[in-house]
């Protein structure tokens, strides 16, 4: 695609999350679910680019965008890289990268977004979390330091205080923790300047919405502030309406930390603030501080240097490089195998030379056996034709009871007719149809003449003659729509999929009677792969419509 016509490439967003499976789902289930969300996002964003509906290794490049997809089932990793032009700013290009992978039986998602600019400085307004991140967060548990980043949390118990302490001091935490403390001041002027949630100068819910997926937001009520101070020491605590940001890397045991690393804002600094946004609207006090804090957190996310390899993250370029190395290793293995095969071939040639003297005698013997075989095959053919003349005179014993039918089918029509487990259950349910012999003759028709016709051994006229001699019909079961709400009963599980019982035999003393004692049905389908009839339901009539 075209070379970027801007001078700088700036990070606009970056994040790494652990995704916890929902109740009842495995890590692998969740991997495929999240993968489908990301893949659907690409297809919807670029509907005209003929992106494959199912993930695979795929690449496409055009004038204003390029799309790369990498999917490796063996390594359990799915990765994308999308580069496209900004729809509003000419010349600006956006790059979205994401990689979903399983490591040590845990599922992780890493993503980063960047844009091109002629300006050296980043614009916090361009801090852009991809839409698929929000979609995943709405349906899965996207965690940082074991906690989801989605909504405002309020400390309500001493256990919550201890949990907050663990999160703040987790050295693996990637996103900042912002703690907003309650102020119990009764000053009416102060109350006027507070957010709508009385006692807090900052609207935590709005801040959580502003910093969705890039910060943890907590309310710390007055009743837990002393315990927080005891645990954190007064130097690193927060209370009486102050707001503190605990940035990633916080460690209460680290003596080199300063307040600038993890700043605190006191009410006397928050309340006098004012802020005018891009539309000229003025905000004061905590409302102004919320906007400024949002800018600061977004800037920090944009400027932060993440050691992706430390987290086990590999984006597209590295994965392709590893794939090339793996392919080269495979080629080397094949070369070694080829050398080995050549050595073995040389050994076989030597052995072949050793037996050349006996070869002529053995060939003569083989030719003799071949002539004998031709004679025997002709004799077998003649005997088979002779046997056919007497087939009609050989008495056939049919089952007398329904429970005898499965063994009879297996003995007489192995490899030609299979009774599905659904059909076996039918035979155990004491069917009412009385003429078991006619029912078995219909099954015999499927196992002999119908099977021979489907495999090309006889013509349709021979098959029809046998069918008409029994006075039965063999036809399609009709469309799914004709089965009404009972259409599902015409489906059976088969070889890892679903098959419809699309054929049925009708027979009996009165084949269209409503009395199950006088008529029977055999519902089946033809398995073209295994060349056999699969019977799925008998001898009753499947329901035609719902009630």
Protein backbone atom coordinates (compact mmCIF):
# COMPACT_ATOMS: atom_id res chain seq x y z
CA UNK A 1 0.00 0.00 0.00
CA UNK A 2 1.05 3.65 -0.17
CA UNK A 3 3.76 4.93 2.16
CA UNK A 4 2.53 7.11 5.03
CA UNK A 5 2.76 10.78 4.17
CA UNK A 6 3.04 11.89 7.82
CA UNK A 7 6.25 12.26 9.82
CA UNK A 8 5.42 10.70 13.21
CA UNK A 9 3.69 7.54 14.39
CA UNK A 10 2.06 7.99 17.81
CA UNK A 11 0.55 5.41 20.14
CA UNK A 12 -3.07 6.30 20.88
CA UNK A 13 -3.96 3.33 23.11
CA UNK A 14 -2.35 0.17 24.48
CA UNK A 15 -3.47 -2.52 26.87
CA UNK A 16 -3.07 -6.13 28.01
CA UNK A 17 -5.92 -8.02 29.66
CA UNK A 18 -6.51 -11.45 31.09
CA UNK A 19 -9.92 -12.74 30.01
CA UNK A 20 -11.64 -15.03 32.50
CA UNK A 21 -14.17 -17.57 31.15
CA UNK A 22 -17.80 -17.09 32.11
CA UNK A 23 -19.44 -19.76 34.26
CA UNK A 24 -19.75 -23.03 32.39
CA UNK A 25 -17.18 -22.15 29.70
CA UNK A 26 -13.59 -23.29 29.25
CA UNK A 27 -10.57 -21.20 28.32
CA UNK A 28 -10.68 -22.67 24.81
CA UNK A 29 -14.40 -21.89 24.43
CA UNK A 30 -13.70 -18.30 25.44
CA UNK A 31 -10.71 -18.09 23.07
CA UNK A 32 -12.93 -18.96 20.09
CA UNK A 33 -15.73 -16.63 21.29
CA UNK A 34 -13.43 -13.61 21.69
CA UNK A 35 -11.74 -14.44 18.39
CA UNK A 36 -15.14 -14.33 16.67
CA UNK A 37 -15.87 -10.87 18.15
CA UNK A 38 -12.59 -9.45 16.80
CA UNK A 39 -13.00 -11.14 13.42
CA UNK A 40 -16.59 -9.86 13.09
CA UNK A 41 -15.34 -6.34 13.84
CA UNK A 42 -12.91 -6.53 10.88
CA UNK A 43 -15.59 -7.84 8.52
CA UNK A 44 -18.10 -5.14 9.53
CA UNK A 45 -15.48 -2.37 9.32
CA UNK A 46 -14.35 -3.42 5.83
CA UNK A 47 -17.40 -5.12 4.25
CA UNK A 48 -16.11 -4.78 0.68
CA UNK A 49 -12.71 -6.45 1.15
CA UNK A 50 -13.84 -10.10 0.87
CA UNK A 51 -12.41 -11.00 4.26
CA UNK A 52 -12.77 -14.77 4.88
CA UNK A 53 -15.77 -15.48 7.15
CA UNK A 54 -13.68 -17.85 9.26
CA UNK A 55 -10.25 -16.89 10.67
CA UNK A 56 -7.18 -18.16 8.83
CA UNK A 57 -3.81 -16.80 7.71
CA UNK A 58 -4.86 -14.10 5.27
CA UNK A 59 -3.48 -10.82 3.93
CA UNK A 60 -4.86 -8.05 1.73
CA UNK A 61 -3.45 -4.68 0.70
CA UNK A 62 -5.03 -1.75 -1.12
CA UNK A 63 -4.42 1.94 -1.75
CA UNK A 64 -5.80 3.23 1.56
CA UNK A 65 -5.61 0.21 3.84
CA UNK A 66 -4.14 -3.21 4.51
CA UNK A 67 -5.46 -6.14 6.53
CA UNK A 68 -3.40 -9.01 7.94
CA UNK A 69 -4.84 -11.96 9.86
CA UNK A 70 -2.80 -14.72 11.50
CA UNK A 71 -4.48 -17.75 13.08
CA UNK A 72 -2.52 -20.74 14.40
CA UNK A 73 -4.66 -23.41 16.05
CA UNK A 74 -1.64 -25.45 17.17
CA UNK A 75 -0.12 -22.52 19.08
CA UNK A 76 -3.57 -21.22 20.12
CA UNK A 77 -3.02 -17.67 18.89
CA UNK A 78 -5.07 -15.25 16.79
CA UNK A 79 -3.54 -11.96 15.64
CA UNK A 80 -4.64 -9.06 13.43
CA UNK A 81 -3.10 -5.90 12.03
CA UNK A 82 -5.32 -3.36 10.28
CA UNK A 83 -4.00 -0.16 8.68
CA UNK A 84 -6.54 2.29 7.23
CA UNK A 85 -6.98 5.94 6.35
CA UNK A 86 -8.79 8.34 8.69
CA UNK A 87 -12.23 9.12 7.24
CA UNK A 88 -12.09 12.75 8.46
CA UNK A 89 -8.43 13.84 8.37
CA UNK A 90 -6.66 13.57 5.04
CA UNK A 91 -3.33 11.78 5.20
CA UNK A 92 -3.79 10.42 8.72
CA UNK A 93 -3.41 6.64 8.92
CA UNK A 94 -4.59 4.43 11.78
CA UNK A 95 -3.03 1.11 12.76
CA UNK A 96 -4.90 -1.35 15.00
CA UNK A 97 -3.10 -4.44 16.28
CA UNK A 98 -4.45 -7.16 18.54
CA UNK A 99 -3.25 -10.59 19.57
CA UNK A 100 -5.28 -13.19 21.46
CA UNK A 101 -3.35 -16.07 22.97
CA UNK A 102 -3.39 -18.79 25.61
CA UNK A 103 -0.42 -18.97 27.98
CA UNK A 104 -0.16 -21.43 30.87
CA UNK A 105 -3.87 -22.29 30.49
CA UNK A 106 -4.84 -18.59 30.77
CA UNK A 107 -6.34 -16.40 28.05
CA UNK A 108 -4.84 -12.98 27.29
CA UNK A 109 -5.66 -10.18 24.88
CA UNK A 110 -3.14 -7.48 23.96
CA UNK A 111 -4.01 -4.55 21.74
CA UNK A 112 -2.47 -1.29 20.60
CA UNK A 113 -3.60 1.53 18.33
CA UNK A 114 -1.43 4.15 16.64
CA UNK A 115 -1.85 7.02 14.20
CA UNK A 116 0.33 9.15 11.97
CA UNK A 117 0.78 12.88 12.53
CA UNK A 118 2.87 15.81 11.40
CA UNK A 119 2.92 16.99 15.03
CA UNK A 120 5.56 15.65 17.41
CA UNK A 121 3.15 15.76 20.39
CA UNK A 122 0.26 13.38 20.98
CA UNK A 123 -3.36 14.50 21.12
CA UNK A 124 -5.23 12.98 24.09
CA UNK A 125 -8.48 13.27 22.09
CA UNK A 126 -7.10 10.59 19.77
CA UNK A 127 -6.79 8.07 22.59
CA UNK A 128 -8.86 5.41 20.82
CA UNK A 129 -9.84 2.07 22.38
CA UNK A 130 -10.98 -0.25 19.53
CA UNK A 131 -14.70 -1.00 19.51
CA UNK A 132 -14.07 -4.74 19.77
CA UNK A 133 -12.48 -4.16 23.20
CA UNK A 134 -15.75 -2.67 24.48
CA UNK A 135 -17.75 -5.52 22.90
CA UNK A 136 -15.55 -8.10 24.62
CA UNK A 137 -15.77 -6.24 27.95
CA UNK A 138 -19.58 -6.28 27.79
CA UNK A 139 -19.64 -10.06 27.38
CA UNK A 140 -16.51 -11.30 29.20
CA UNK A 141 -14.44 -10.60 32.30
CA UNK A 142 -11.52 -8.48 31.05
CA UNK A 143 -9.15 -8.22 34.00
CA UNK A 144 -6.08 -6.31 35.10
CA UNK A 145 -4.48 -7.50 38.35
CA UNK A 146 -7.39 -9.92 38.68
CA UNK A 147 -10.09 -7.19 38.56
CA UNK A 148 -12.37 -6.20 35.69
CA UNK A 149 -12.04 -2.70 34.23
CA UNK A 150 -15.54 -1.69 33.41
CA UNK A 151 -17.46 0.20 36.10
CA UNK A 152 -16.99 2.32 39.20
CA UNK A 153 -16.38 0.23 42.34
CA UNK A 154 -17.24 1.33 45.88
CA UNK A 155 -15.40 -0.01 48.93
CA UNK A 156 -18.15 -1.42 51.16
CA UNK A 157 -16.40 -3.83 53.54
CA UNK A 158 -13.03 -4.31 55.22
CA UNK A 159 -12.46 -7.18 52.78
CA UNK A 160 -12.87 -4.66 49.96
CA UNK A 161 -10.16 -2.48 51.58
CA UNK A 162 -7.77 -5.43 51.72
CA UNK A 163 -8.56 -6.34 48.12
CA UNK A 164 -7.90 -2.74 47.05
CA UNK A 165 -4.56 -2.89 48.86
CA UNK A 166 -3.57 -6.02 46.90
CA UNK A 167 -4.59 -4.45 43.59
CA UNK A 168 -2.71 -1.20 44.24
CA UNK A 169 0.47 -3.10 45.21
CA UNK A 170 0.29 -5.65 42.39
CA UNK A 171 3.49 -5.14 40.37
CA UNK A 172 1.88 -6.86 37.38
CA UNK A 173 -0.88 -4.24 37.22
CA UNK A 174 -0.89 -2.45 33.86
CA UNK A 175 -3.48 0.30 34.42
CA UNK A 176 -3.69 3.05 37.08
CA UNK A 177 -5.94 2.85 40.15
CA UNK A 178 -7.77 6.10 40.99
CA UNK A 179 -9.18 6.30 44.53
CA UNK A 180 -11.75 9.04 45.19
CA UNK A 181 -12.26 9.63 48.92
CA UNK A 182 -15.47 10.85 50.55
CA UNK A 183 -15.54 14.34 52.12
CA UNK A 184 -17.96 14.78 55.01
CA UNK A 185 -17.66 18.54 55.05
CA UNK A 186 -20.91 20.32 55.90
CA UNK A 187 -19.92 23.56 54.23
CA UNK A 188 -22.75 24.52 51.87
CA UNK A 189 -20.33 26.08 49.37
CA UNK A 190 -18.35 22.86 49.28
CA UNK A 191 -21.53 20.83 48.82
CA UNK A 192 -22.43 23.00 45.85
CA UNK A 193 -19.09 22.23 44.24
CA UNK A 194 -19.33 18.50 44.82
CA UNK A 195 -20.59 16.04 42.22
CA UNK A 196 -24.23 14.92 42.29
CA UNK A 197 -23.20 12.00 44.52
CA UNK A 198 -23.00 13.90 47.80
CA UNK A 199 -19.68 13.54 49.59
CA UNK A 200 -17.47 13.03 46.53
CA UNK A 201 -15.94 15.93 44.65
CA UNK A 202 -15.44 13.77 41.55
CA UNK A 203 -18.23 11.97 39.72
CA UNK A 204 -16.73 8.46 39.76
CA UNK A 205 -19.29 6.96 37.39
CA UNK A 206 -18.55 9.55 34.70
CA UNK A 207 -14.81 9.18 35.26
CA UNK A 208 -15.12 5.39 34.85
CA UNK A 209 -16.99 5.98 31.60
CA UNK A 210 -14.33 8.45 30.39
CA UNK A 211 -11.52 6.00 31.24
CA UNK A 212 -13.29 2.78 30.31
CA UNK A 213 -10.74 -0.06 29.84
CA UNK A 214 -7.72 2.08 30.83
CA UNK A 215 -8.15 2.73 34.58
CA UNK A 216 -9.60 1.28 37.83
CA UNK A 217 -11.93 3.75 39.60
CA UNK A 218 -12.80 3.36 43.30
CA UNK A 219 -14.92 5.28 45.82
CA UNK A 220 -13.46 5.19 49.36
CA UNK A 221 -16.17 6.08 51.95
CA UNK A 222 -15.17 7.99 55.09
CA UNK A 223 -15.67 4.97 57.38
CA UNK A 224 -12.83 3.01 55.67
CA UNK A 225 -10.31 5.85 55.30
CA UNK A 226 -8.60 5.21 58.66
CA UNK A 227 -8.08 1.53 57.85
CA UNK A 228 -6.71 2.55 54.46
CA UNK A 229 -4.28 4.97 56.14
CA UNK A 230 -3.18 2.26 58.59
CA UNK A 231 -2.48 -0.16 55.75
CA UNK A 232 -0.86 2.29 53.34
CA UNK A 233 0.80 4.62 55.93
CA UNK A 234 -0.33 8.26 56.02
CA UNK A 235 2.18 9.17 53.30
CA UNK A 236 0.40 7.03 50.68
CA UNK A 237 -3.19 7.13 51.98
CA UNK A 238 -6.03 9.29 50.71
CA UNK A 239 -9.03 10.79 52.53
CA UNK A 240 -11.24 13.79 53.30
CA UNK A 241 -12.22 14.41 49.70
CA UNK A 242 -8.77 13.97 48.14
CA UNK A 243 -8.16 11.95 44.97
CA UNK A 244 -5.09 9.79 44.51
CA UNK A 245 -3.75 8.06 41.42
CA UNK A 246 -1.71 4.90 42.03
CA UNK A 247 0.11 4.41 38.75
CA UNK A 248 1.38 1.00 37.53
CA UNK A 249 4.53 -0.08 39.33
CA UNK A 250 3.42 1.22 42.75
CA UNK A 251 5.09 -0.64 45.62
CA UNK A 252 4.68 0.54 49.18
CA UNK A 253 8.07 -0.98 50.00
CA UNK A 254 9.82 1.06 47.29
CA UNK A 255 11.56 3.94 49.06
CA UNK A 256 12.48 5.64 45.78
CA UNK A 257 8.84 6.53 44.99
CA UNK A 258 7.75 10.16 45.15
CA UNK A 259 4.38 11.88 45.23
CA UNK A 260 4.97 12.89 41.61
CA UNK A 261 4.99 9.22 40.61
CA UNK A 262 1.61 8.63 42.27
CA UNK A 263 0.06 12.09 42.73
CA UNK A 264 -2.61 13.14 45.21
CA UNK A 265 -5.03 16.04 44.66
CA UNK A 266 -6.42 17.68 47.80
CA UNK A 267 -9.85 19.41 47.93
CA UNK A 268 -8.23 22.84 48.29
CA UNK A 269 -6.66 22.25 44.87
CA UNK A 270 -9.69 20.56 43.28
CA UNK A 271 -12.43 23.02 44.30
CA UNK A 272 -10.91 26.23 42.82
CA UNK A 273 -10.30 24.61 39.43
CA UNK A 274 -11.91 25.65 36.19
CA UNK A 275 -11.69 24.10 32.72
CA UNK A 276 -12.98 25.13 29.29
CA UNK A 277 -13.37 22.33 26.78
CA UNK A 278 -13.03 22.42 22.99
CA UNK A 279 -16.64 23.57 22.58
CA UNK A 280 -16.07 26.52 24.93
CA UNK A 281 -18.08 25.01 27.78
CA UNK A 282 -16.76 25.85 31.27
CA UNK A 283 -16.46 23.32 34.09
CA UNK A 284 -15.50 24.13 37.68
CA UNK A 285 -14.24 22.30 40.78
CA UNK A 286 -14.47 18.51 40.65
CA UNK A 287 -16.03 18.57 37.20
CA UNK A 288 -13.00 20.43 35.87
CA UNK A 289 -10.62 18.11 37.74
CA UNK A 290 -12.36 15.09 36.21
CA UNK A 291 -11.70 16.38 32.70
CA UNK A 292 -8.07 17.20 33.47
CA UNK A 293 -7.49 13.84 35.18
CA UNK A 294 -9.01 12.09 32.13
CA UNK A 295 -6.55 13.93 29.90
CA UNK A 296 -3.65 12.96 32.17
CA UNK A 297 -4.55 9.23 32.27
CA UNK A 298 -5.00 9.12 28.50
CA UNK A 299 -1.66 10.87 27.97
CA UNK A 300 0.03 8.38 30.32
CA UNK A 301 -1.46 5.46 28.40
CA UNK A 302 -0.31 6.93 25.09
CA UNK A 303 3.24 7.70 26.25
CA UNK A 304 3.89 4.63 28.37
CA UNK A 305 6.52 2.17 27.14
CA UNK A 306 5.26 -1.40 27.55
CA UNK A 307 7.70 -4.29 27.44
CA UNK A 308 5.40 -6.58 25.45
CA UNK A 309 7.80 -9.52 25.54
CA UNK A 310 7.80 -9.41 29.35
CA UNK A 311 4.08 -10.20 29.21
CA UNK A 312 4.55 -12.87 26.54
CA UNK A 313 2.88 -10.74 23.87
CA UNK A 314 3.80 -11.22 20.21
CA UNK A 315 2.26 -9.08 17.52
CA UNK A 316 2.03 -9.81 13.80
CA UNK A 317 5.59 -8.96 12.73
CA UNK A 318 7.14 -11.23 15.36
CA UNK A 319 4.65 -14.03 14.68
CA UNK A 320 5.40 -13.94 10.96
CA UNK A 321 9.11 -14.00 11.71
CA UNK A 322 8.64 -17.01 14.00
CA UNK A 323 6.49 -18.67 11.33
CA UNK A 324 9.30 -18.20 8.80
CA UNK A 325 11.80 -19.74 11.23
CA UNK A 326 9.42 -22.63 11.93
CA UNK A 327 8.92 -23.17 8.18
CA UNK A 328 12.70 -23.17 7.64
CA UNK A 329 13.10 -25.73 10.43
CA UNK A 330 10.42 -27.88 8.81
CA UNK A 331 12.23 -27.62 5.48
CA UNK A 332 15.50 -28.69 7.15
CA UNK A 333 13.73 -31.65 8.71
CA UNK A 334 12.34 -32.62 5.31
CA UNK A 335 15.81 -32.33 3.80
CA UNK A 336 17.18 -34.64 6.47
CA UNK A 337 14.31 -37.03 5.85
CA UNK A 338 15.05 -36.92 2.12
CA UNK A 339 18.71 -37.80 2.75
CA UNK A 340 17.60 -40.67 4.96
CA UNK A 341 15.19 -41.89 2.27
CA UNK A 342 17.96 -41.77 -0.34
CA UNK A 343 20.20 -43.93 1.88
CA UNK A 344 17.35 -46.38 2.38
CA UNK A 345 16.71 -46.38 -1.38
CA UNK A 346 20.36 -47.25 -2.04
CA UNK A 347 20.10 -50.13 0.42
CA UNK A 348 16.95 -51.37 -1.30
CA UNK A 349 18.67 -51.25 -4.67
CA UNK A 350 21.44 -53.43 -3.25
CA UNK A 351 18.91 -55.90 -1.88
CA UNK A 352 17.08 -55.87 -5.22
CA UNK A 353 20.26 -56.78 -7.05
CA UNK A 354 20.71 -59.74 -4.70
CA UNK A 355 17.32 -61.20 -5.72
CA UNK A 356 17.50 -60.55 -9.45
CA UNK A 357 18.65 -64.13 -10.20
CA UNK A 358 15.49 -65.55 -8.60
CA UNK A 359 13.22 -62.96 -10.12
CA UNK A 360 12.53 -64.74 -13.44
CA UNK A 361 11.44 -67.94 -11.72
CA UNK A 362 9.15 -66.04 -9.37
CA UNK A 363 7.65 -64.05 -12.27
CA UNK A 364 6.90 -67.31 -14.08
CA UNK A 365 5.21 -68.64 -10.96
CA UNK A 366 3.17 -65.43 -10.59
CA UNK A 367 1.98 -65.68 -14.22
CA UNK A 368 0.93 -69.26 -13.59
CA UNK A 369 -1.06 -68.20 -10.51
CA UNK A 370 -2.62 -65.35 -12.48
CA UNK A 371 -3.88 -67.80 -15.11
CA UNK A 372 -5.29 -70.02 -12.39
CA UNK A 373 -6.92 -67.01 -10.79
CA UNK A 374 -8.62 -66.05 -14.06
CA UNK A 375 -10.04 -69.55 -14.35
CA UNK A 376 -11.22 -69.49 -10.71
CA UNK A 377 -12.83 -66.07 -11.11
CA UNK A 378 -14.76 -67.32 -14.13
CA UNK A 379 -15.89 -70.36 -12.15
CA UNK A 380 -17.02 -68.16 -9.24
CA UNK A 381 -18.99 -65.96 -11.65
CA UNK A 382 -20.75 -68.99 -13.12
CA UNK A 383 -21.56 -70.34 -9.64
CA UNK A 384 -22.98 -66.99 -8.55
CA UNK A 385 -25.25 -66.87 -11.59
CA UNK A 386 -26.36 -70.44 -10.85
CA UNK A 387 -27.02 -69.56 -7.22
CA UNK A 388 -29.29 -66.68 -8.24
CA UNK A 389 -31.65 -69.17 -9.93
CA UNK A 390 -32.22 -70.91 -6.59
CA UNK A 391 -32.42 -67.82 -4.35
CA UNK A 392 -36.22 -67.67 -4.56
CA UNK A 393 -36.45 -71.28 -3.39
CA UNK A 394 -34.36 -70.77 -0.26
CA UNK A 395 -36.72 -70.08 2.65
CA UNK A 396 -36.03 -66.82 4.54
CA UNK A 397 -36.79 -66.64 8.23
CA UNK A 398 -37.89 -63.20 9.35
CA UNK A 399 -37.99 -61.97 12.96
CA UNK A 400 -41.18 -62.75 14.87
CA UNK A 401 -40.69 -60.00 17.47
CA UNK A 402 -39.44 -56.42 17.28
CA UNK A 403 -36.57 -57.13 19.69
CA UNK A 404 -35.13 -59.63 17.16
CA UNK A 405 -34.89 -57.07 14.32
CA UNK A 406 -31.53 -55.38 15.31
CA UNK A 407 -29.62 -58.69 15.33
CA UNK A 408 -31.33 -59.79 12.12
CA UNK A 409 -30.36 -56.55 10.32
CA UNK A 410 -26.79 -56.81 11.54
CA UNK A 411 -26.47 -60.46 10.41
CA UNK A 412 -28.20 -60.08 7.05
CA UNK A 413 -27.19 -56.58 5.89
CA UNK A 414 -23.89 -55.69 7.56
CA UNK A 415 -22.30 -52.78 5.71
CA UNK A 416 -25.53 -52.15 3.79
CA UNK A 417 -28.09 -51.13 6.42
CA UNK A 418 -27.46 -49.41 9.75
CA UNK A 419 -30.08 -48.91 12.45
CA UNK A 420 -29.54 -45.49 14.05
CA UNK A 421 -29.75 -45.33 17.86
CA UNK A 422 -33.05 -43.46 17.43
CA UNK A 423 -34.44 -46.39 15.44
CA UNK A 424 -33.15 -48.88 18.03
CA UNK A 425 -35.06 -46.99 20.71
CA UNK A 426 -38.23 -47.15 18.58
CA UNK A 427 -37.96 -50.96 18.39
CA UNK A 428 -37.68 -51.16 22.19
CA UNK A 429 -40.86 -49.08 22.73
CA UNK A 430 -43.26 -51.95 21.85
CA UNK A 431 -44.60 -50.67 18.47
CA UNK A 432 -48.22 -51.44 17.65
CA UNK A 433 -47.81 -52.39 13.98
CA UNK A 434 -48.78 -56.08 13.67
CA UNK A 435 -47.26 -57.39 10.40
CA UNK A 436 -43.61 -57.65 11.45
CA UNK A 437 -42.77 -59.87 8.46
CA UNK A 438 -43.88 -57.22 5.91
CA UNK A 439 -41.91 -54.59 7.82
CA UNK A 440 -38.81 -56.81 7.65
CA UNK A 441 -39.33 -57.42 3.94
CA UNK A 442 -39.32 -53.66 3.44
CA UNK A 443 -36.02 -53.45 5.32
CA UNK A 444 -34.76 -56.34 3.16
CA UNK A 445 -35.72 -54.33 0.05
CA UNK A 446 -33.53 -51.47 1.32
CA UNK A 447 -30.65 -53.84 2.07
CA UNK A 448 -30.78 -55.66 -1.27
CA UNK A 449 -32.50 -54.16 -4.34
CA UNK A 450 -32.40 -50.51 -3.17
CA UNK A 451 -28.74 -50.80 -2.16
CA UNK A 452 -27.88 -52.55 -5.46
CA UNK A 453 -29.68 -49.82 -7.40
CA UNK A 454 -27.87 -47.00 -5.52
CA UNK A 455 -24.50 -48.68 -6.12
CA UNK A 456 -25.18 -49.34 -9.83
CA UNK A 457 -25.50 -53.13 -9.68
CA UNK A 458 -29.08 -53.22 -10.97
CA UNK A 459 -31.37 -50.81 -12.79
CA UNK A 460 -34.35 -48.92 -11.38
CA UNK A 461 -36.79 -51.23 -13.18
CA UNK A 462 -35.53 -54.29 -11.24
CA UNK A 463 -35.77 -52.33 -8.00
CA UNK A 464 -39.32 -51.11 -8.78
CA UNK A 465 -40.43 -54.67 -9.59
CA UNK A 466 -39.24 -55.86 -6.16
CA UNK A 467 -40.91 -52.88 -4.44
CA UNK A 468 -44.24 -53.32 -6.21
CA UNK A 469 -44.26 -56.99 -5.31
CA UNK A 470 -44.44 -55.91 -1.66
CA UNK A 471 -47.14 -53.30 -2.28
CA UNK A 472 -45.15 -50.50 -0.66
CA UNK A 473 -44.18 -46.93 -1.60
CA UNK A 474 -40.74 -45.32 -1.32
CA UNK A 475 -40.59 -41.51 -1.56
CA UNK A 476 -39.20 -38.26 -0.17
CA UNK A 477 -40.44 -37.16 3.26
CA UNK A 478 -41.17 -33.63 1.98
CA UNK A 479 -39.79 -30.20 2.96
CA UNK A 480 -38.83 -29.07 6.45
CA UNK A 481 -41.63 -26.51 6.32
CA UNK A 482 -44.25 -29.23 5.85
CA UNK A 483 -43.15 -30.79 9.13
CA UNK A 484 -44.15 -27.66 11.04
CA UNK A 485 -42.74 -27.20 14.50
CA UNK A 486 -42.00 -30.93 14.65
CA UNK A 487 -39.42 -30.66 11.85
CA UNK A 488 -36.63 -31.25 14.35
CA UNK A 489 -37.90 -34.82 14.86
CA UNK A 490 -36.81 -35.57 11.26
CA UNK A 491 -33.18 -34.78 12.16
CA UNK A 492 -30.63 -37.21 13.65
CA UNK A 493 -27.06 -36.88 14.89
CA UNK A 494 -24.72 -38.69 12.53
CA UNK A 495 -20.91 -38.79 12.18
CA UNK A 496 -20.42 -35.54 14.08
CA UNK A 497 -23.15 -33.62 12.22
CA UNK A 498 -26.91 -33.50 11.65
CA UNK A 499 -28.71 -35.40 8.88
CA UNK A 500 -32.35 -35.24 7.78
CA UNK A 501 -34.40 -38.41 7.32
CA UNK A 502 -35.31 -37.34 3.79
CA UNK A 503 -36.75 -40.67 2.54
CA UNK A 504 -39.46 -42.94 3.88
CA UNK A 505 -41.19 -46.23 3.00
CA UNK A 506 -44.96 -46.45 3.39
CA UNK A 507 -46.64 -49.81 3.69
CA UNK A 508 -49.18 -51.98 5.45
CA UNK A 509 -52.68 -53.34 5.04
CA UNK A 510 -53.88 -49.74 4.75
CA UNK A 511 -50.78 -47.63 4.33
CA UNK A 512 -52.55 -44.27 4.86
CA UNK A 513 -54.63 -45.43 7.81
CA UNK A 514 -54.49 -43.48 11.06
CA UNK A 515 -54.41 -46.79 12.94
CA UNK A 516 -50.73 -47.62 13.76
CA UNK A 517 -51.63 -51.34 13.77
CA UNK A 518 -52.52 -51.27 10.08
CA UNK A 519 -49.72 -49.19 8.52
CA UNK A 520 -45.99 -48.64 8.97
CA UNK A 521 -43.29 -46.13 8.02
CA UNK A 522 -39.51 -46.51 7.69
CA UNK A 523 -37.67 -43.15 7.71
CA UNK A 524 -34.09 -43.23 6.39
CA UNK A 525 -31.38 -41.49 4.40
CA UNK A 526 -28.66 -42.72 2.03
CA UNK A 527 -25.06 -42.24 3.23
CA UNK A 528 -23.17 -41.70 -0.01
CA UNK A 529 -19.76 -41.70 1.69
CA UNK A 530 -20.15 -45.12 3.32
CA UNK A 531 -22.55 -46.48 0.67
CA UNK A 532 -25.25 -47.61 3.07
CA UNK A 533 -28.84 -47.01 4.18
CA UNK A 534 -29.25 -45.41 7.64
CA UNK A 535 -32.68 -46.05 9.19
CA UNK A 536 -33.57 -43.40 11.75
CA UNK A 537 -37.21 -44.11 12.74
CA UNK A 538 -39.74 -46.97 12.43
CA UNK A 539 -42.44 -48.31 12.30
CA UNK A 540 -44.68 -45.43 13.50
CA UNK A 541 -45.46 -42.22 11.65
CA UNK A 542 -43.31 -39.17 12.56
CA UNK A 543 -45.44 -36.15 13.59
CA UNK A 544 -46.33 -33.84 10.67
CA UNK A 545 -47.13 -30.62 12.54
CA UNK A 546 -46.90 -29.00 15.94
CA UNK A 547 -49.81 -28.43 18.31
